[in-house]
Amino acid sequence: MIQNGNIVGNHTVNHANLPGLSDDEIKEEIMKLHNSIYEITGYEMTYFRPPKGEFSERVIKIVKDLGYTTVMWSSAYDDWDTNKQGREEYGKKKIVDNIHNGCVLLLHATSQDNSKILKDVIEQIKNMGYEFKNIDEFDT
């Protein structure tokens, strides 16, 4: 992904509930992954999304102090549940009906439905007049 020019963000090592951890445990969850990615690829991650969207002001401050920008999503559906597959039309509708300016989609790679519908969804969203940008291109 990095070699293809994609932005890769940090999501922790263990997908832990960060507000339930100590400051040092939060830092370890983030920096262990950061250091591993850097050692393997030389890539410095700068964006962070808290697992399951669970955060607190304390977590956000620690993340910022580590040099990260926290990025949340604005549209998601229950695609993470691998027991709920075979719902391609449902997935398309959930994605397309919730598109809006500045939308940050949360889609999980574990969803077979997403891999089947992604090309069509992208085309449909473009036909609606939207364009896709990477997070670095957003106005902050």
Protein backbone atom coordinates (compact mmCIF):
# COMPACT_ATOMS: atom_id res chain seq x y z
CA MET A 1 0.00 0.00 0.00
CA ILE A 2 2.79 2.40 0.88
CA GLN A 3 4.70 1.59 -2.32
CA ASN A 4 1.52 2.37 -4.28
CA GLY A 5 1.41 5.86 -2.75
CA ASN A 6 -1.42 5.26 -0.29
CA ILE A 7 -1.56 6.97 3.07
CA VAL A 8 -1.38 4.42 5.88
CA GLY A 9 -2.59 5.44 9.31
CA ASN A 10 -2.07 4.03 12.76
CA HIS A 11 -4.86 2.03 14.40
CA THR A 12 -2.85 0.50 17.31
CA VAL A 13 -1.29 -2.90 17.69
CA ASN A 14 -4.10 -4.70 19.52
CA HIS A 15 -7.27 -2.73 18.67
CA ALA A 16 -7.65 -1.95 22.37
CA ASN A 17 -10.17 0.29 24.14
CA LEU A 18 -7.79 3.22 24.60
CA PRO A 19 -9.74 5.18 27.25
CA GLY A 20 -9.45 2.10 29.49
CA LEU A 21 -5.64 2.06 29.29
CA SER A 22 -2.98 4.02 31.15
CA ASP A 23 -1.08 6.79 29.38
CA ASP A 24 1.94 4.52 28.96
CA GLU A 25 -0.19 1.67 27.60
CA ILE A 26 -1.79 4.02 25.05
CA LYS A 27 1.63 5.22 23.92
CA GLU A 28 2.85 1.62 23.63
CA GLU A 29 -0.21 0.60 21.55
CA ILE A 30 0.48 3.42 19.10
CA MET A 31 4.27 3.53 19.03
CA LYS A 32 4.80 -0.22 18.79
CA LEU A 33 2.93 -0.20 15.47
CA HIS A 34 4.52 3.10 14.41
CA ASN A 35 8.03 1.78 15.00
CA SER A 36 7.33 -1.56 13.29
CA ILE A 37 5.99 0.12 10.14
CA TYR A 38 8.91 2.55 10.11
CA GLU A 39 11.51 -0.21 10.57
CA ILE A 40 10.03 -2.28 7.73
CA THR A 41 9.21 0.50 5.26
CA GLY A 42 10.81 3.77 6.37
CA TYR A 43 7.29 5.27 6.33
CA GLU A 44 6.25 7.73 9.04
CA MET A 45 2.57 7.44 9.85
CA THR A 46 0.97 10.75 10.84
CA TYR A 47 -2.75 9.92 11.02
CA PHE A 48 -4.51 7.93 13.72
CA ARG A 49 -7.98 6.45 14.10
CA PRO A 50 -8.94 5.08 17.51
CA PRO A 51 -10.15 1.48 17.49
CA LYS A 52 -13.95 1.21 17.47
CA GLY A 53 -14.11 5.02 17.66
CA GLU A 54 -13.46 4.86 21.40
CA PHE A 55 -11.59 7.93 22.61
CA SER A 56 -11.44 10.58 25.29
CA GLU A 57 -9.86 14.01 25.57
CA ARG A 58 -6.90 12.33 27.30
CA VAL A 59 -6.43 9.88 24.42
CA ILE A 60 -6.63 12.66 21.81
CA LYS A 61 -4.01 14.70 23.71
CA ILE A 62 -1.62 11.75 23.95
CA VAL A 63 -2.10 11.01 20.24
CA LYS A 64 -1.40 14.65 19.39
CA ASP A 65 1.67 14.72 21.66
CA LEU A 66 2.98 11.70 19.71
CA GLY A 67 2.75 13.77 16.51
CA TYR A 68 -0.44 12.28 15.13
CA THR A 69 -3.60 13.84 13.76
CA THR A 70 -6.72 11.96 14.81
CA VAL A 71 -9.11 11.28 11.92
CA MET A 72 -12.58 9.90 12.50
CA TRP A 73 -15.09 8.68 9.96
CA SER A 74 -18.38 10.28 9.05
CA SER A 75 -20.07 7.33 7.37
CA ALA A 76 -19.96 3.63 8.18
CA TYR A 77 -22.12 0.54 8.24
CA ASP A 78 -21.92 -2.89 9.84
CA ASP A 79 -19.56 -4.29 7.21
CA TRP A 80 -17.11 -5.43 9.90
CA ASP A 81 -19.40 -8.31 10.89
CA THR A 82 -18.19 -11.26 8.82
CA ASN A 83 -21.40 -13.11 9.70
CA LYS A 84 -23.37 -10.50 7.76
CA GLN A 85 -22.10 -11.03 4.23
CA GLY A 86 -24.02 -11.50 1.00
CA ARG A 87 -25.73 -8.14 1.36
CA GLU A 88 -24.21 -6.30 -1.59
CA GLU A 89 -27.30 -4.17 -2.35
CA TYR A 90 -27.62 -3.26 1.32
CA GLY A 91 -23.97 -2.19 1.40
CA LYS A 92 -24.29 -0.10 -1.76
CA LYS A 93 -27.37 1.66 -0.37
CA LYS A 94 -25.75 2.33 3.01
CA ILE A 95 -22.68 3.84 1.36
CA VAL A 96 -24.34 5.87 -1.38
CA ASP A 97 -27.22 7.17 0.76
CA ASN A 98 -24.76 8.59 3.30
CA ILE A 99 -22.26 10.30 0.99
CA HIS A 100 -21.79 14.00 1.68
CA ASN A 101 -19.17 16.70 1.14
CA GLY A 102 -16.08 15.86 3.18
CA CYS A 103 -17.28 12.32 3.81
CA VAL A 104 -14.75 9.96 5.32
CA LEU A 105 -15.94 6.42 4.66
CA LEU A 106 -15.11 3.63 7.05
CA LEU A 107 -15.00 0.38 5.10
CA HIS A 108 -13.48 -2.81 6.44
CA ALA A 109 -11.22 -5.03 4.36
CA THR A 110 -12.71 -8.10 6.07
CA SER A 111 -15.96 -7.54 4.17
CA GLN A 112 -16.31 -9.68 1.05
CA ASP A 113 -19.29 -7.51 0.13
CA ASN A 114 -17.10 -4.41 0.01
CA SER A 115 -14.66 -6.01 -2.38
CA LYS A 116 -17.54 -6.97 -4.65
CA ILE A 117 -19.29 -3.57 -4.65
CA LEU A 118 -16.43 -1.09 -4.38
CA LYS A 119 -15.94 -0.49 -8.09
CA ASP A 120 -19.67 0.14 -8.65
CA VAL A 121 -19.95 2.34 -5.56
CA ILE A 122 -17.00 4.49 -6.62
CA GLU A 123 -18.47 4.92 -10.08
CA GLN A 124 -21.90 5.80 -8.65
CA ILE A 125 -20.42 8.35 -6.24
CA LYS A 126 -18.43 9.98 -9.04
CA ASN A 127 -21.59 10.10 -11.17
CA MET A 128 -23.25 11.98 -8.29
CA GLY A 129 -20.65 14.72 -8.79
CA TYR A 130 -18.31 13.87 -5.95
CA GLU A 131 -14.57 13.38 -6.23
CA PHE A 132 -12.22 11.31 -4.14
CA LYS A 133 -9.27 12.87 -2.32
CA ASN A 134 -6.75 11.58 0.13
CA ILE A 135 -6.75 13.00 3.63
CA ASP A 136 -3.77 15.26 2.89
CA GLU A 137 -5.88 17.12 0.33
CA PHE A 138 -8.66 18.05 2.78
CA ASP A 139 -8.85 21.63 4.01
CA THR A 140 -8.34 21.70 7.75
